[in-house]
Amino acid sequence: MRARSPFALDRVASLHPLQWLWEPLQGDPTFVLRPMFGGKSAYLDGKLMLYFAAKAEPWSGVLVCTDRTQHASLQREFPELSPHPILPKWLYLSAGTDRFESIASRLVALARRRDPRIGVVPKPERARRRTSTRRRAGLDSHP
């Protein structure tokens, strides 16, 4: 058996600064956490519910994955939410918002209770691959 060098550094998995938000969802048997766009996306029952980002604005906070038809209802309840500047189909709660922790916790609780305003069914993997292939080939007219 090889002795460890006293100078060897143990690799420590870096923790996501917003991990505390998805921890209440981890006990759900349908919970899945996946990397996406440099952040973490949380799924329940196969639906993409929330996205957690910890980079520079506008990627610092929580994105609520929802249909545009649900924006007004969610924004009435949470006036701090606004369409994300790059992904406007989803609502955004910036980590710089006053009361970020309490609002984000309430959004997680809504997702956990399966509030029908939160969550989108992702496109099937095969359809996503075909779309991105068509875009690379310049065959898709949508940006």
N, C-alpha and C. Protein backbone atom coordinates (compact mmCIF):
# COMPACT_ATOMS: atom_id res chain seq x y z
N MET A 1 0.84 -1.18 0.00
CA MET A 1 0.00 0.00 0.00
C MET A 1 0.88 1.24 0.00
N ARG A 2 0.50 2.18 -0.80
CA ARG A 2 1.29 3.39 -0.96
C ARG A 2 0.92 4.42 0.11
N ALA A 3 1.94 5.00 0.73
CA ALA A 3 1.69 6.01 1.76
C ALA A 3 1.31 7.34 1.10
N ARG A 4 0.41 8.04 1.73
CA ARG A 4 0.01 9.36 1.22
C ARG A 4 1.04 10.39 1.59
N SER A 5 1.31 11.23 0.67
CA SER A 5 2.22 12.33 0.93
C SER A 5 1.55 13.33 1.87
N PRO A 6 2.27 13.86 2.81
CA PRO A 6 1.67 14.87 3.70
C PRO A 6 1.36 16.15 2.94
N PHE A 7 1.90 16.28 1.73
CA PHE A 7 1.67 17.49 0.94
C PHE A 7 0.52 17.33 -0.06
N ALA A 8 -0.02 16.14 -0.13
CA ALA A 8 -1.12 15.92 -1.06
C ALA A 8 -2.37 16.63 -0.56
N LEU A 9 -3.03 17.30 -1.47
CA LEU A 9 -4.27 17.98 -1.10
C LEU A 9 -5.44 17.08 -1.41
N ASP A 10 -6.33 16.96 -0.45
CA ASP A 10 -7.54 16.19 -0.70
C ASP A 10 -8.44 17.00 -1.61
N ARG A 11 -9.03 16.34 -2.57
CA ARG A 11 -10.00 17.02 -3.43
C ARG A 11 -11.30 17.17 -2.67
N VAL A 12 -11.73 18.36 -2.58
CA VAL A 12 -12.98 18.65 -1.88
C VAL A 12 -13.97 19.14 -2.92
N ALA A 13 -15.11 18.48 -2.98
CA ALA A 13 -16.14 18.91 -3.91
C ALA A 13 -16.61 20.29 -3.49
N SER A 14 -16.58 21.19 -4.44
CA SER A 14 -17.04 22.54 -4.09
C SER A 14 -18.56 22.53 -3.97
N LEU A 15 -19.03 23.19 -2.96
CA LEU A 15 -20.45 23.26 -2.72
C LEU A 15 -21.04 24.43 -3.48
N HIS A 16 -22.22 24.22 -4.03
CA HIS A 16 -22.93 25.30 -4.71
C HIS A 16 -23.48 26.22 -3.63
N PRO A 17 -23.31 27.53 -3.78
CA PRO A 17 -23.77 28.46 -2.74
C PRO A 17 -25.28 28.40 -2.48
N LEU A 18 -26.06 27.91 -3.44
CA LEU A 18 -27.51 27.83 -3.24
C LEU A 18 -27.99 26.41 -2.94
N GLN A 19 -27.08 25.53 -2.61
CA GLN A 19 -27.43 24.14 -2.32
C GLN A 19 -28.49 24.04 -1.23
N TRP A 20 -28.45 24.92 -0.28
CA TRP A 20 -29.42 24.89 0.82
C TRP A 20 -30.86 25.01 0.32
N LEU A 21 -31.02 25.58 -0.86
CA LEU A 21 -32.38 25.72 -1.40
C LEU A 21 -32.93 24.40 -1.93
N TRP A 22 -32.11 23.59 -2.59
CA TRP A 22 -32.66 22.34 -3.12
C TRP A 22 -32.62 21.20 -2.11
N GLU A 23 -31.95 21.38 -1.00
CA GLU A 23 -31.91 20.32 0.01
C GLU A 23 -33.29 19.87 0.48
N PRO A 24 -34.28 20.76 0.66
CA PRO A 24 -35.61 20.29 1.07
C PRO A 24 -36.29 19.39 0.03
N LEU A 25 -35.82 19.43 -1.20
CA LEU A 25 -36.42 18.62 -2.27
C LEU A 25 -35.78 17.23 -2.35
N GLN A 26 -34.61 17.07 -1.77
CA GLN A 26 -33.84 15.83 -1.93
C GLN A 26 -34.54 14.60 -1.39
N GLY A 27 -35.43 14.74 -0.43
CA GLY A 27 -36.13 13.59 0.11
C GLY A 27 -37.23 13.06 -0.80
N ASP A 28 -37.60 13.82 -1.79
CA ASP A 28 -38.64 13.40 -2.73
C ASP A 28 -38.07 12.31 -3.65
N PRO A 29 -38.75 11.18 -3.78
CA PRO A 29 -38.20 10.10 -4.62
C PRO A 29 -38.09 10.47 -6.10
N THR A 30 -38.79 11.49 -6.55
CA THR A 30 -38.70 11.87 -7.96
C THR A 30 -37.69 13.00 -8.20
N PHE A 31 -37.04 13.47 -7.14
CA PHE A 31 -36.08 14.57 -7.26
C PHE A 31 -34.86 14.16 -8.07
N VAL A 32 -34.50 15.03 -9.02
CA VAL A 32 -33.28 14.86 -9.80
C VAL A 32 -32.62 16.23 -9.88
N LEU A 33 -31.31 16.27 -9.68
CA LEU A 33 -30.54 17.50 -9.80
C LEU A 33 -29.55 17.30 -10.94
N ARG A 34 -29.56 18.20 -11.90
CA ARG A 34 -28.68 18.08 -13.06
C ARG A 34 -27.93 19.39 -13.29
N PRO A 35 -26.70 19.27 -13.79
CA PRO A 35 -25.99 20.50 -14.19
C PRO A 35 -26.62 21.05 -15.47
N MET A 36 -26.70 22.38 -15.56
CA MET A 36 -27.25 23.01 -16.75
C MET A 36 -26.73 24.45 -16.79
N PHE A 37 -26.16 24.86 -17.90
CA PHE A 37 -25.69 26.24 -18.10
C PHE A 37 -24.77 26.71 -16.97
N GLY A 38 -24.01 25.84 -16.38
CA GLY A 38 -23.12 26.24 -15.30
C GLY A 38 -23.79 26.36 -13.94
N GLY A 39 -25.05 25.98 -13.86
CA GLY A 39 -25.78 25.99 -12.59
C GLY A 39 -26.37 24.62 -12.33
N LYS A 40 -27.40 24.57 -11.51
CA LYS A 40 -28.06 23.31 -11.17
C LYS A 40 -29.54 23.43 -11.45
N SER A 41 -30.10 22.43 -12.11
CA SER A 41 -31.53 22.40 -12.38
C SER A 41 -32.17 21.29 -11.56
N ALA A 42 -33.31 21.64 -10.95
CA ALA A 42 -34.03 20.70 -10.08
C ALA A 42 -35.29 20.23 -10.79
N TYR A 43 -35.47 18.91 -10.81
CA TYR A 43 -36.63 18.27 -11.43
C TYR A 43 -37.43 17.53 -10.37
N LEU A 44 -38.73 17.57 -10.50
CA LEU A 44 -39.64 16.75 -9.70
C LEU A 44 -40.65 16.14 -10.66
N ASP A 45 -40.91 14.87 -10.52
CA ASP A 45 -41.84 14.16 -11.39
C ASP A 45 -41.49 14.34 -12.86
N GLY A 46 -40.22 14.48 -13.16
CA GLY A 46 -39.78 14.64 -14.55
C GLY A 46 -39.94 16.05 -15.10
N LYS A 47 -40.47 16.98 -14.29
CA LYS A 47 -40.64 18.36 -14.73
C LYS A 47 -39.49 19.22 -14.22
N LEU A 48 -39.00 20.09 -15.07
CA LEU A 48 -37.98 21.05 -14.67
C LEU A 48 -38.67 22.13 -13.86
N MET A 49 -38.30 22.27 -12.60
CA MET A 49 -39.00 23.16 -11.68
C MET A 49 -38.23 24.46 -11.43
N LEU A 50 -36.99 24.34 -11.01
CA LEU A 50 -36.20 25.51 -10.62
C LEU A 50 -34.77 25.35 -11.11
N TYR A 51 -34.15 26.48 -11.36
CA TYR A 51 -32.75 26.50 -11.78
C TYR A 51 -32.00 27.43 -10.83
N PHE A 52 -30.87 26.96 -10.31
CA PHE A 52 -30.09 27.69 -9.32
C PHE A 52 -28.77 28.12 -9.95
N ALA A 53 -28.53 29.43 -9.97
CA ALA A 53 -27.33 29.98 -10.60
C ALA A 53 -26.55 30.80 -9.58
N ALA A 54 -25.22 30.66 -9.62
CA ALA A 54 -24.38 31.39 -8.68
C ALA A 54 -23.18 32.00 -9.40
N LYS A 55 -23.47 32.71 -10.45
CA LYS A 55 -22.41 33.42 -11.18
C LYS A 55 -22.72 34.90 -11.12
N ALA A 56 -22.23 35.66 -12.08
CA ALA A 56 -22.50 37.09 -12.12
C ALA A 56 -23.90 37.33 -12.71
N GLU A 57 -24.48 38.45 -12.38
CA GLU A 57 -25.79 38.81 -12.94
C GLU A 57 -25.71 38.75 -14.46
N PRO A 58 -26.73 38.27 -15.09
CA PRO A 58 -28.04 37.88 -14.59
C PRO A 58 -28.14 36.39 -14.28
N TRP A 59 -27.06 35.79 -13.86
CA TRP A 59 -27.04 34.37 -13.51
C TRP A 59 -26.69 34.19 -12.04
N SER A 60 -27.36 34.93 -11.19
CA SER A 60 -27.10 34.86 -9.76
C SER A 60 -28.43 34.87 -9.01
N GLY A 61 -28.96 33.68 -8.78
CA GLY A 61 -30.24 33.58 -8.09
C GLY A 61 -31.00 32.35 -8.53
N VAL A 62 -32.32 32.47 -8.54
CA VAL A 62 -33.19 31.35 -8.86
C VAL A 62 -34.05 31.70 -10.07
N LEU A 63 -34.10 30.80 -11.02
CA LEU A 63 -35.02 30.93 -12.14
C LEU A 63 -36.17 29.97 -11.89
N VAL A 64 -37.37 30.48 -12.04
CA VAL A 64 -38.58 29.67 -11.87
C VAL A 64 -39.00 29.22 -13.25
N CYS A 65 -38.94 27.92 -13.48
CA CYS A 65 -39.27 27.36 -14.78
C CYS A 65 -40.79 27.27 -14.88
N THR A 66 -41.36 28.05 -15.76
CA THR A 66 -42.80 28.15 -15.84
C THR A 66 -43.22 28.57 -17.24
N ASP A 67 -44.48 28.39 -17.55
CA ASP A 67 -45.03 28.87 -18.81
C ASP A 67 -45.31 30.36 -18.67
N ARG A 68 -45.23 31.08 -19.76
CA ARG A 68 -45.51 32.52 -19.74
C ARG A 68 -46.91 32.82 -19.24
N THR A 69 -47.84 31.89 -19.43
CA THR A 69 -49.22 32.10 -18.98
C THR A 69 -49.30 32.18 -17.46
N GLN A 70 -48.28 31.72 -16.76
CA GLN A 70 -48.27 31.73 -15.29
C GLN A 70 -47.52 32.93 -14.72
N HIS A 71 -46.87 33.73 -15.56
CA HIS A 71 -46.06 34.84 -15.08
C HIS A 71 -46.86 35.81 -14.22
N ALA A 72 -48.00 36.26 -14.71
CA ALA A 72 -48.77 37.28 -13.98
C ALA A 72 -49.17 36.79 -12.59
N SER A 73 -49.62 35.57 -12.50
CA SER A 73 -50.04 35.02 -11.21
C SER A 73 -48.87 34.95 -10.23
N LEU A 74 -47.75 34.45 -10.69
CA LEU A 74 -46.58 34.35 -9.81
C LEU A 74 -46.04 35.73 -9.44
N GLN A 75 -46.08 36.67 -10.37
CA GLN A 75 -45.57 38.01 -10.08
C GLN A 75 -46.49 38.77 -9.13
N ARG A 76 -47.78 38.47 -9.14
CA ARG A 76 -48.68 39.09 -8.15
C ARG A 76 -48.30 38.61 -6.75
N GLU A 77 -48.00 37.32 -6.64
CA GLU A 77 -47.63 36.76 -5.34
C GLU A 77 -46.20 37.14 -4.94
N PHE A 78 -45.33 37.23 -5.93
CA PHE A 78 -43.92 37.53 -5.70
C PHE A 78 -43.50 38.69 -6.62
N PRO A 79 -43.76 39.93 -6.22
CA PRO A 79 -43.44 41.07 -7.08
C PRO A 79 -41.95 41.18 -7.42
N GLU A 80 -41.10 40.50 -6.67
CA GLU A 80 -39.66 40.55 -6.92
C GLU A 80 -39.27 39.73 -8.16
N LEU A 81 -40.15 38.89 -8.63
CA LEU A 81 -39.87 38.08 -9.82
C LEU A 81 -40.03 38.93 -11.08
N SER A 82 -39.14 38.70 -12.04
CA SER A 82 -39.27 39.35 -13.34
C SER A 82 -38.78 38.38 -14.40
N PRO A 83 -39.22 38.54 -15.64
CA PRO A 83 -38.71 37.66 -16.69
C PRO A 83 -37.19 37.77 -16.76
N HIS A 84 -36.53 36.65 -16.91
CA HIS A 84 -35.08 36.64 -16.99
C HIS A 84 -34.66 37.38 -18.26
N PRO A 85 -33.62 38.22 -18.21
CA PRO A 85 -33.24 39.01 -19.38
C PRO A 85 -32.74 38.18 -20.57
N ILE A 86 -32.27 36.97 -20.32
CA ILE A 86 -31.78 36.12 -21.42
C ILE A 86 -32.77 35.00 -21.72
N LEU A 87 -33.40 34.46 -20.69
CA LEU A 87 -34.41 33.40 -20.85
C LEU A 87 -35.75 33.93 -20.36
N PRO A 88 -36.39 34.84 -21.10
CA PRO A 88 -37.60 35.50 -20.59
C PRO A 88 -38.80 34.58 -20.43
N LYS A 89 -38.69 33.36 -20.90
CA LYS A 89 -39.81 32.42 -20.68
C LYS A 89 -39.87 32.00 -19.21
N TRP A 90 -38.79 32.21 -18.47
CA TRP A 90 -38.74 31.88 -17.05
C TRP A 90 -38.63 33.15 -16.22
N LEU A 91 -39.12 33.07 -15.00
CA LEU A 91 -39.04 34.19 -14.07
C LEU A 91 -37.77 34.09 -13.24
N TYR A 92 -37.25 35.23 -12.84
CA TYR A 92 -35.95 35.31 -12.18
C TYR A 92 -36.06 36.05 -10.85
N LEU A 93 -35.44 35.46 -9.86
CA LEU A 93 -35.27 36.10 -8.55
C LEU A 93 -33.78 36.28 -8.34
N SER A 94 -33.32 37.50 -8.41
CA SER A 94 -31.90 37.79 -8.25
C SER A 94 -31.48 37.57 -6.80
N ALA A 95 -30.29 37.02 -6.63
CA ALA A 95 -29.75 36.81 -5.28
C ALA A 95 -29.53 38.14 -4.57
N GLY A 96 -29.46 39.24 -5.31
CA GLY A 96 -29.27 40.55 -4.72
C GLY A 96 -30.56 41.19 -4.22
N THR A 97 -31.67 40.51 -4.42
CA THR A 97 -32.98 41.03 -3.99
C THR A 97 -33.09 41.01 -2.47
N ASP A 98 -33.67 42.09 -1.93
CA ASP A 98 -33.96 42.08 -0.49
C ASP A 98 -34.86 40.88 -0.22
N ARG A 99 -34.65 40.23 0.87
CA ARG A 99 -35.44 39.06 1.29
C ARG A 99 -35.27 37.86 0.32
N PHE A 100 -34.14 37.79 -0.37
CA PHE A 100 -33.91 36.69 -1.31
C PHE A 100 -34.13 35.34 -0.65
N GLU A 101 -33.57 35.14 0.54
CA GLU A 101 -33.63 33.84 1.20
C GLU A 101 -35.08 33.42 1.47
N SER A 102 -35.87 34.33 1.99
CA SER A 102 -37.25 33.95 2.33
C SER A 102 -38.10 33.74 1.08
N ILE A 103 -37.91 34.56 0.06
CA ILE A 103 -38.69 34.39 -1.17
C ILE A 103 -38.28 33.10 -1.88
N ALA A 104 -36.97 32.86 -1.98
CA ALA A 104 -36.49 31.64 -2.64
C ALA A 104 -36.99 30.41 -1.89
N SER A 105 -36.99 30.44 -0.58
CA SER A 105 -37.50 29.31 0.22
C SER A 105 -38.98 29.07 -0.06
N ARG A 106 -39.74 30.15 -0.20
CA ARG A 106 -41.17 30.00 -0.51
C ARG A 106 -41.37 29.40 -1.90
N LEU A 107 -40.54 29.79 -2.86
CA LEU A 107 -40.64 29.22 -4.21
C LEU A 107 -40.32 27.72 -4.20
N VAL A 108 -39.32 27.34 -3.43
CA VAL A 108 -38.98 25.92 -3.29
C VAL A 108 -40.15 25.17 -2.66
N ALA A 109 -40.77 25.76 -1.66
CA ALA A 109 -41.92 25.11 -1.01
C ALA A 109 -43.07 24.93 -2.00
N LEU A 110 -43.30 25.92 -2.86
CA LEU A 110 -44.35 25.78 -3.89
C LEU A 110 -44.01 24.64 -4.84
N ALA A 111 -42.76 24.57 -5.25
CA ALA A 111 -42.35 23.48 -6.14
C ALA A 111 -42.53 22.13 -5.45
N ARG A 112 -42.17 22.07 -4.21
CA ARG A 112 -42.29 20.82 -3.44
C ARG A 112 -43.75 20.37 -3.34
N ARG A 113 -44.66 21.35 -3.23
CA ARG A 113 -46.10 21.04 -3.16
C ARG A 113 -46.72 20.85 -4.54
N ARG A 114 -45.89 20.94 -5.57
CA ARG A 114 -46.35 20.76 -6.96
C ARG A 114 -47.34 21.84 -7.38
N ASP A 115 -47.08 23.09 -7.01
CA ASP A 115 -47.91 24.19 -7.45
C ASP A 115 -47.97 24.13 -8.98
N PRO A 116 -49.17 24.11 -9.56
CA PRO A 116 -49.29 23.93 -11.02
C PRO A 116 -48.70 25.08 -11.83
N ARG A 117 -48.37 26.19 -11.20
CA ARG A 117 -47.77 27.32 -11.93
C ARG A 117 -46.28 27.11 -12.17
N ILE A 118 -45.69 26.17 -11.44
CA ILE A 118 -44.24 25.96 -11.52
C ILE A 118 -43.96 24.61 -12.18
N GLY A 119 -43.01 24.63 -13.11
CA GLY A 119 -42.57 23.41 -13.75
C GLY A 119 -42.93 23.36 -15.22
N VAL A 120 -41.98 22.86 -15.99
CA VAL A 120 -42.19 22.65 -17.42
C VAL A 120 -41.69 21.25 -17.77
N VAL A 121 -42.34 20.66 -18.73
CA VAL A 121 -41.91 19.35 -19.21
C VAL A 121 -40.81 19.59 -20.24
N PRO A 122 -39.60 19.07 -19.99
CA PRO A 122 -38.52 19.30 -20.95
C PRO A 122 -38.76 18.54 -22.24
N LYS A 123 -38.20 19.08 -23.32
CA LYS A 123 -38.27 18.38 -24.60
C LYS A 123 -37.54 17.05 -24.46
N PRO A 124 -38.00 16.02 -25.16
CA PRO A 124 -37.27 14.74 -25.12
C PRO A 124 -35.83 14.93 -25.60
N GLU A 125 -34.93 14.16 -25.04
CA GLU A 125 -33.50 14.26 -25.36
C GLU A 125 -33.25 14.19 -26.86
N ARG A 126 -33.90 13.28 -27.55
CA ARG A 126 -33.69 13.12 -28.98
C ARG A 126 -34.08 14.40 -29.73
N ALA A 127 -35.20 15.03 -29.35
CA ALA A 127 -35.64 16.26 -30.02
C ALA A 127 -34.66 17.39 -29.75
N ARG A 128 -34.11 17.48 -28.55
CA ARG A 128 -33.14 18.52 -28.24
C ARG A 128 -31.89 18.37 -29.08
N ARG A 129 -31.41 17.14 -29.23
CA ARG A 129 -30.21 16.90 -30.02
C ARG A 129 -30.44 17.27 -31.48
N ARG A 130 -31.56 16.88 -32.02
CA ARG A 130 -31.87 17.16 -33.42
C ARG A 130 -31.95 18.66 -33.64
N THR A 131 -32.58 19.39 -32.72
CA THR A 131 -32.70 20.84 -32.85
C THR A 131 -31.33 21.49 -32.84
N SER A 132 -30.47 21.10 -31.91
CA SER A 132 -29.15 21.74 -31.85
C SER A 132 -28.32 21.37 -33.07
N THR A 133 -28.47 20.16 -33.60
CA THR A 133 -27.75 19.76 -34.81
C THR A 133 -28.22 20.60 -35.99
N ARG A 134 -29.53 20.82 -36.09
CA ARG A 134 -30.08 21.64 -37.18
C ARG A 134 -29.57 23.07 -37.06
N ARG A 135 -29.48 23.58 -35.85
CA ARG A 135 -28.99 24.95 -35.67
C ARG A 135 -27.53 25.06 -36.10
N ARG A 136 -26.71 24.09 -35.69
CA ARG A 136 -25.29 24.13 -36.09
C ARG A 136 -25.14 24.07 -37.59
N ALA A 137 -26.04 23.34 -38.25
CA ALA A 137 -25.96 23.21 -39.70
C ALA A 137 -26.60 24.39 -40.42
N GLY A 138 -27.21 25.33 -39.66
CA GLY A 138 -27.84 26.49 -40.26
C GLY A 138 -29.19 26.18 -40.89
N LEU A 139 -29.80 25.05 -40.48
CA LEU A 139 -31.07 24.63 -41.06
C LEU A 139 -32.27 25.12 -40.29
N ASP A 140 -32.05 25.60 -39.11
CA ASP A 140 -33.16 26.04 -38.27
C ASP A 140 -33.26 27.56 -38.38
N SER A 141 -34.44 28.05 -38.70
CA SER A 141 -34.61 29.50 -38.92
C SER A 141 -34.71 30.28 -37.62
N HIS A 142 -34.86 29.59 -36.49
CA HIS A 142 -34.98 30.28 -35.21
C HIS A 142 -33.62 30.46 -34.57
N PRO A 143 -33.37 31.62 -33.98
CA PRO A 143 -32.04 31.82 -33.34
C PRO A 143 -31.86 30.99 -32.10
